[in-house]
N, C-alpha and C. Protein backbone atom coordinates (compact mmCIF):
# COMPACT_ATOMS: atom_id res chain seq x y z
N MET A 1 -2.50 4.40 1.40
CA MET A 1 -2.52 5.67 2.08
C MET A 1 -2.42 5.39 3.56
N ASN A 2 -1.79 6.30 4.27
CA ASN A 2 -1.63 6.15 5.71
C ASN A 2 -2.36 7.29 6.41
N LEU A 3 -3.36 6.95 7.19
CA LEU A 3 -4.03 7.94 8.03
C LEU A 3 -3.22 8.00 9.31
N ALA A 4 -2.41 9.06 9.45
CA ALA A 4 -1.46 9.13 10.54
C ALA A 4 -2.10 9.52 11.87
N TYR A 5 -3.09 10.40 11.85
CA TYR A 5 -3.69 10.81 13.11
C TYR A 5 -5.10 11.32 12.85
N PHE A 6 -6.05 10.79 13.57
CA PHE A 6 -7.44 11.21 13.44
C PHE A 6 -8.05 11.18 14.82
N ALA A 7 -8.54 12.31 15.27
CA ALA A 7 -9.11 12.36 16.62
C ALA A 7 -10.23 13.39 16.67
N ILE A 8 -11.19 13.12 17.50
CA ILE A 8 -12.29 14.03 17.78
C ILE A 8 -12.23 14.32 19.28
N ASP A 9 -12.32 15.58 19.63
CA ASP A 9 -12.32 15.98 21.03
C ASP A 9 -13.39 15.17 21.78
N LYS A 10 -13.03 14.71 22.98
CA LYS A 10 -13.94 13.86 23.77
C LYS A 10 -15.33 14.49 23.91
N GLU A 11 -15.39 15.80 24.01
CA GLU A 11 -16.66 16.49 24.17
C GLU A 11 -17.60 16.26 22.98
N TYR A 12 -17.02 16.00 21.80
CA TYR A 12 -17.81 15.85 20.57
C TYR A 12 -17.90 14.41 20.07
N GLN A 13 -17.27 13.48 20.78
CA GLN A 13 -17.36 12.09 20.38
C GLN A 13 -18.79 11.59 20.56
N GLY A 14 -19.23 10.75 19.63
CA GLY A 14 -20.58 10.21 19.69
C GLY A 14 -21.63 11.10 19.06
N THR A 15 -21.20 12.21 18.45
CA THR A 15 -22.14 13.14 17.83
C THR A 15 -22.26 12.93 16.32
N GLY A 16 -21.42 12.06 15.75
CA GLY A 16 -21.45 11.82 14.30
C GLY A 16 -20.42 12.61 13.54
N ILE A 17 -19.70 13.49 14.22
CA ILE A 17 -18.68 14.31 13.54
C ILE A 17 -17.57 13.43 13.00
N GLY A 18 -17.10 12.48 13.78
CA GLY A 18 -16.02 11.60 13.34
C GLY A 18 -16.42 10.79 12.13
N ARG A 19 -17.62 10.26 12.15
CA ARG A 19 -18.12 9.48 11.01
C ARG A 19 -18.24 10.36 9.77
N ALA A 20 -18.77 11.55 9.91
CA ALA A 20 -18.92 12.47 8.77
C ALA A 20 -17.57 12.83 8.19
N LEU A 21 -16.59 13.11 9.04
CA LEU A 21 -15.25 13.43 8.55
C LEU A 21 -14.61 12.23 7.85
N MET A 22 -14.85 11.04 8.38
CA MET A 22 -14.28 9.85 7.76
C MET A 22 -14.92 9.60 6.38
N MET A 23 -16.21 9.90 6.22
CA MET A 23 -16.85 9.76 4.92
C MET A 23 -16.21 10.71 3.90
N GLU A 24 -15.90 11.93 4.34
CA GLU A 24 -15.20 12.89 3.49
C GLU A 24 -13.81 12.37 3.14
N PHE A 25 -13.13 11.80 4.13
CA PHE A 25 -11.80 11.23 3.92
C PHE A 25 -11.86 10.11 2.89
N PHE A 26 -12.89 9.25 2.98
CA PHE A 26 -13.04 8.18 2.00
C PHE A 26 -13.18 8.73 0.59
N SER A 27 -13.95 9.79 0.43
CA SER A 27 -14.10 10.41 -0.90
C SER A 27 -12.76 10.94 -1.40
N MET A 28 -12.00 11.59 -0.53
CA MET A 28 -10.68 12.09 -0.93
C MET A 28 -9.76 10.94 -1.32
N CYS A 29 -9.80 9.86 -0.56
CA CYS A 29 -8.96 8.69 -0.86
C CYS A 29 -9.30 8.12 -2.22
N MET A 30 -10.58 8.11 -2.56
CA MET A 30 -10.98 7.55 -3.84
C MET A 30 -10.50 8.40 -5.01
N VAL A 31 -10.49 9.72 -4.84
CA VAL A 31 -9.95 10.59 -5.88
C VAL A 31 -8.46 10.32 -6.04
N ILE A 32 -7.75 10.25 -4.94
CA ILE A 32 -6.31 9.98 -4.98
C ILE A 32 -6.05 8.62 -5.61
N ALA A 33 -6.88 7.63 -5.26
CA ALA A 33 -6.71 6.28 -5.82
C ALA A 33 -6.89 6.27 -7.33
N LEU A 34 -7.81 7.08 -7.84
CA LEU A 34 -8.02 7.15 -9.29
C LEU A 34 -6.76 7.60 -10.02
N TYR A 35 -6.02 8.50 -9.41
CA TYR A 35 -4.83 9.06 -10.06
C TYR A 35 -3.54 8.31 -9.74
N THR A 36 -3.50 7.60 -8.63
CA THR A 36 -2.24 7.00 -8.20
C THR A 36 -2.24 5.48 -8.16
N GLY A 37 -3.41 4.89 -8.12
CA GLY A 37 -3.48 3.44 -8.01
C GLY A 37 -3.41 2.93 -6.58
N VAL A 38 -3.49 3.83 -5.60
CA VAL A 38 -3.52 3.41 -4.20
C VAL A 38 -4.64 2.40 -4.02
N GLN A 39 -4.38 1.34 -3.26
CA GLN A 39 -5.37 0.28 -3.12
C GLN A 39 -5.92 0.13 -1.72
N LEU A 40 -5.27 0.72 -0.72
CA LEU A 40 -5.81 0.59 0.63
C LEU A 40 -5.41 1.75 1.52
N ILE A 41 -6.16 1.86 2.61
CA ILE A 41 -5.91 2.86 3.64
C ILE A 41 -5.39 2.10 4.86
N TYR A 42 -4.34 2.60 5.47
CA TYR A 42 -3.72 1.97 6.63
C TYR A 42 -3.76 2.97 7.78
N LEU A 43 -4.03 2.48 8.97
CA LEU A 43 -3.93 3.31 10.17
C LEU A 43 -3.55 2.44 11.34
N GLU A 44 -3.08 3.08 12.39
CA GLU A 44 -2.80 2.38 13.64
C GLU A 44 -3.69 2.99 14.71
N SER A 45 -4.66 2.22 15.16
CA SER A 45 -5.66 2.71 16.10
C SER A 45 -5.22 2.50 17.54
N VAL A 46 -5.67 3.39 18.40
CA VAL A 46 -5.53 3.17 19.84
C VAL A 46 -6.65 2.22 20.25
N ASP A 47 -6.48 1.57 21.38
CA ASP A 47 -7.43 0.53 21.79
C ASP A 47 -8.87 1.03 21.85
N GLU A 48 -9.09 2.22 22.35
CA GLU A 48 -10.47 2.69 22.52
C GLU A 48 -11.16 3.09 21.21
N SER A 49 -10.41 3.15 20.10
CA SER A 49 -11.00 3.54 18.82
C SER A 49 -11.17 2.38 17.84
N VAL A 50 -10.70 1.21 18.19
CA VAL A 50 -10.77 0.06 17.27
C VAL A 50 -12.21 -0.19 16.82
N ASN A 51 -13.15 -0.19 17.73
CA ASN A 51 -14.54 -0.47 17.35
C ASN A 51 -15.13 0.62 16.46
N PHE A 52 -14.74 1.87 16.68
CA PHE A 52 -15.17 2.97 15.79
C PHE A 52 -14.74 2.67 14.36
N TYR A 53 -13.48 2.32 14.19
CA TYR A 53 -12.97 2.03 12.85
C TYR A 53 -13.60 0.76 12.27
N LYS A 54 -13.85 -0.23 13.09
CA LYS A 54 -14.52 -1.44 12.60
C LYS A 54 -15.91 -1.11 12.04
N ARG A 55 -16.64 -0.23 12.72
CA ARG A 55 -17.97 0.17 12.24
C ARG A 55 -17.88 0.89 10.90
N LEU A 56 -16.71 1.46 10.59
CA LEU A 56 -16.51 2.15 9.31
C LEU A 56 -15.94 1.21 8.25
N GLY A 57 -15.81 -0.07 8.57
CA GLY A 57 -15.35 -1.05 7.59
C GLY A 57 -13.87 -1.39 7.64
N TYR A 58 -13.12 -0.79 8.55
CA TYR A 58 -11.71 -1.14 8.69
C TYR A 58 -11.61 -2.53 9.32
N GLU A 59 -10.55 -3.23 8.98
CA GLU A 59 -10.29 -4.55 9.55
C GLU A 59 -8.93 -4.54 10.23
N LEU A 60 -8.84 -5.27 11.32
CA LEU A 60 -7.54 -5.41 11.98
C LEU A 60 -6.60 -6.18 11.07
N LEU A 61 -5.37 -5.73 10.96
CA LEU A 61 -4.37 -6.42 10.16
C LEU A 61 -4.14 -7.82 10.71
N HIS A 62 -4.09 -7.93 12.02
CA HIS A 62 -3.95 -9.22 12.70
C HIS A 62 -5.28 -9.48 13.40
N LYS A 63 -6.11 -10.30 12.79
CA LYS A 63 -7.51 -10.50 13.21
C LYS A 63 -7.68 -10.85 14.69
N ASP A 64 -6.74 -11.62 15.23
CA ASP A 64 -6.86 -12.05 16.63
C ASP A 64 -6.23 -11.08 17.62
N ALA A 65 -5.55 -10.06 17.14
CA ALA A 65 -4.87 -9.10 18.02
C ALA A 65 -5.80 -7.94 18.34
N THR A 66 -6.86 -8.22 19.08
CA THR A 66 -7.82 -7.20 19.47
C THR A 66 -7.48 -6.67 20.86
N PRO A 67 -7.96 -5.48 21.19
CA PRO A 67 -7.75 -5.00 22.56
C PRO A 67 -8.29 -5.99 23.60
N GLU A 68 -9.46 -6.57 23.30
CA GLU A 68 -10.07 -7.52 24.24
C GLU A 68 -9.20 -8.76 24.45
N ALA A 69 -8.55 -9.23 23.38
CA ALA A 69 -7.69 -10.42 23.50
C ALA A 69 -6.49 -10.12 24.40
N TYR A 70 -5.92 -8.94 24.25
CA TYR A 70 -4.80 -8.55 25.12
C TYR A 70 -5.26 -8.37 26.56
N GLN A 71 -6.40 -7.71 26.73
CA GLN A 71 -6.91 -7.42 28.07
C GLN A 71 -7.32 -8.69 28.81
N LYS A 72 -7.72 -9.70 28.05
CA LYS A 72 -8.13 -10.99 28.64
C LYS A 72 -7.01 -11.60 29.48
N PHE A 73 -5.77 -11.31 29.09
CA PHE A 73 -4.61 -11.85 29.81
C PHE A 73 -3.99 -10.81 30.75
N GLY A 74 -4.77 -9.74 31.04
CA GLY A 74 -4.31 -8.75 32.01
C GLY A 74 -3.40 -7.68 31.45
N ASN A 75 -3.27 -7.60 30.13
CA ASN A 75 -2.39 -6.60 29.54
C ASN A 75 -3.08 -5.23 29.47
N ASP A 76 -2.30 -4.20 29.70
CA ASP A 76 -2.77 -2.82 29.56
C ASP A 76 -2.60 -2.44 28.09
N THR A 77 -3.66 -2.11 27.42
CA THR A 77 -3.60 -1.85 25.97
C THR A 77 -3.54 -0.36 25.62
N ARG A 78 -3.45 0.50 26.64
CA ARG A 78 -3.46 1.94 26.36
C ARG A 78 -2.29 2.40 25.48
N ASN A 79 -1.19 1.70 25.50
CA ASN A 79 -0.02 2.10 24.72
C ASN A 79 0.27 1.17 23.54
N ILE A 80 -0.70 0.34 23.19
CA ILE A 80 -0.53 -0.57 22.06
C ILE A 80 -1.26 0.00 20.85
N GLN A 81 -0.61 -0.03 19.71
CA GLN A 81 -1.24 0.40 18.46
C GLN A 81 -1.81 -0.83 17.76
N PHE A 82 -2.98 -0.69 17.18
CA PHE A 82 -3.64 -1.79 16.49
C PHE A 82 -3.74 -1.45 15.01
N PRO A 83 -2.88 -2.06 14.16
CA PRO A 83 -2.89 -1.78 12.73
C PRO A 83 -4.21 -2.22 12.09
N MET A 84 -4.76 -1.34 11.25
CA MET A 84 -6.03 -1.62 10.58
C MET A 84 -5.97 -1.19 9.12
N LEU A 85 -6.78 -1.86 8.28
CA LEU A 85 -6.81 -1.60 6.84
C LEU A 85 -8.23 -1.40 6.35
N ARG A 86 -8.35 -0.61 5.28
CA ARG A 86 -9.63 -0.47 4.55
C ARG A 86 -9.28 -0.46 3.08
N LYS A 87 -9.79 -1.40 2.31
CA LYS A 87 -9.48 -1.50 0.88
C LYS A 87 -10.32 -0.51 0.08
N ILE A 88 -9.70 0.12 -0.90
CA ILE A 88 -10.41 1.02 -1.80
C ILE A 88 -11.51 0.25 -2.54
N SER A 89 -11.22 -0.98 -2.94
CA SER A 89 -12.22 -1.79 -3.65
C SER A 89 -13.45 -2.03 -2.77
N ASP A 90 -13.26 -2.13 -1.45
CA ASP A 90 -14.40 -2.29 -0.55
C ASP A 90 -15.20 -0.99 -0.43
N LEU A 91 -14.51 0.15 -0.49
CA LEU A 91 -15.23 1.43 -0.49
C LEU A 91 -16.16 1.50 -1.70
N ILE A 92 -15.62 1.10 -2.85
CA ILE A 92 -16.42 1.11 -4.09
C ILE A 92 -17.60 0.16 -3.95
N ALA A 93 -17.34 -1.05 -3.45
CA ALA A 93 -18.40 -2.05 -3.28
C ALA A 93 -19.48 -1.57 -2.31
N ASP A 94 -19.09 -0.75 -1.34
CA ASP A 94 -20.03 -0.23 -0.35
C ASP A 94 -20.77 1.02 -0.84
N GLY A 95 -20.48 1.45 -2.08
CA GLY A 95 -21.22 2.57 -2.65
C GLY A 95 -20.60 3.94 -2.47
N HIS A 96 -19.40 4.01 -1.91
CA HIS A 96 -18.74 5.30 -1.79
C HIS A 96 -18.28 5.75 -3.17
N SER A 97 -18.22 7.05 -3.36
CA SER A 97 -17.75 7.56 -4.65
C SER A 97 -16.84 8.75 -4.43
N PRO A 98 -15.95 9.00 -5.38
CA PRO A 98 -15.08 10.17 -5.27
C PRO A 98 -15.90 11.44 -5.54
N TYR A 99 -15.31 12.56 -5.23
CA TYR A 99 -15.94 13.83 -5.57
C TYR A 99 -15.96 13.95 -7.09
N ILE A 100 -17.11 14.09 -7.67
CA ILE A 100 -17.24 14.15 -9.12
C ILE A 100 -16.47 15.34 -9.69
N ASP A 101 -16.49 16.48 -9.00
CA ASP A 101 -15.81 17.69 -9.49
C ASP A 101 -14.29 17.53 -9.52
N ASN A 102 -13.75 16.57 -8.80
CA ASN A 102 -12.30 16.38 -8.74
C ASN A 102 -11.79 15.33 -9.71
N VAL A 103 -12.67 14.74 -10.46
CA VAL A 103 -12.28 13.67 -11.36
C VAL A 103 -12.25 14.20 -12.79
N LEU A 104 -11.12 14.05 -13.46
CA LEU A 104 -11.01 14.50 -14.83
C LEU A 104 -11.81 13.56 -15.75
N PRO A 105 -12.44 14.11 -16.77
CA PRO A 105 -13.14 13.22 -17.70
C PRO A 105 -12.15 12.34 -18.44
N ILE A 106 -12.50 11.11 -18.63
CA ILE A 106 -11.62 10.17 -19.32
C ILE A 106 -12.30 9.79 -20.63
N ASN A 107 -11.64 10.07 -21.72
CA ASN A 107 -12.17 9.72 -23.03
C ASN A 107 -11.54 8.42 -23.50
N VAL A 108 -12.36 7.45 -23.77
CA VAL A 108 -11.87 6.17 -24.25
C VAL A 108 -12.33 6.00 -25.70
N GLU A 109 -11.36 5.89 -26.57
CA GLU A 109 -11.69 5.69 -27.97
C GLU A 109 -11.69 4.21 -28.29
N LYS A 110 -12.67 3.81 -29.12
CA LYS A 110 -12.76 2.40 -29.48
C LYS A 110 -11.96 2.13 -30.72
């Protein structure tokens, strides 16, 4: 899945709204994954949001390509996108679950 754009107005950043919305997004992703087999979430973060996504369990696609690594050499990172991933299997391991009401019952006969 590709999270194309996610933003919280600067006035409301740091209030927990972004985290709460991302938790809802994770639940939606898990429902979609049950039906489609999607295995990961992909996004391209702006430099100032990389740490927000890291706290939510996303990982940089290129581990050493951090905003800090670019800035260390004097590069302006405001226009650089940082690809990040979150595996559905990691969501499950971390205790996230899909919306129960959105999951069809599965009958398995022995």
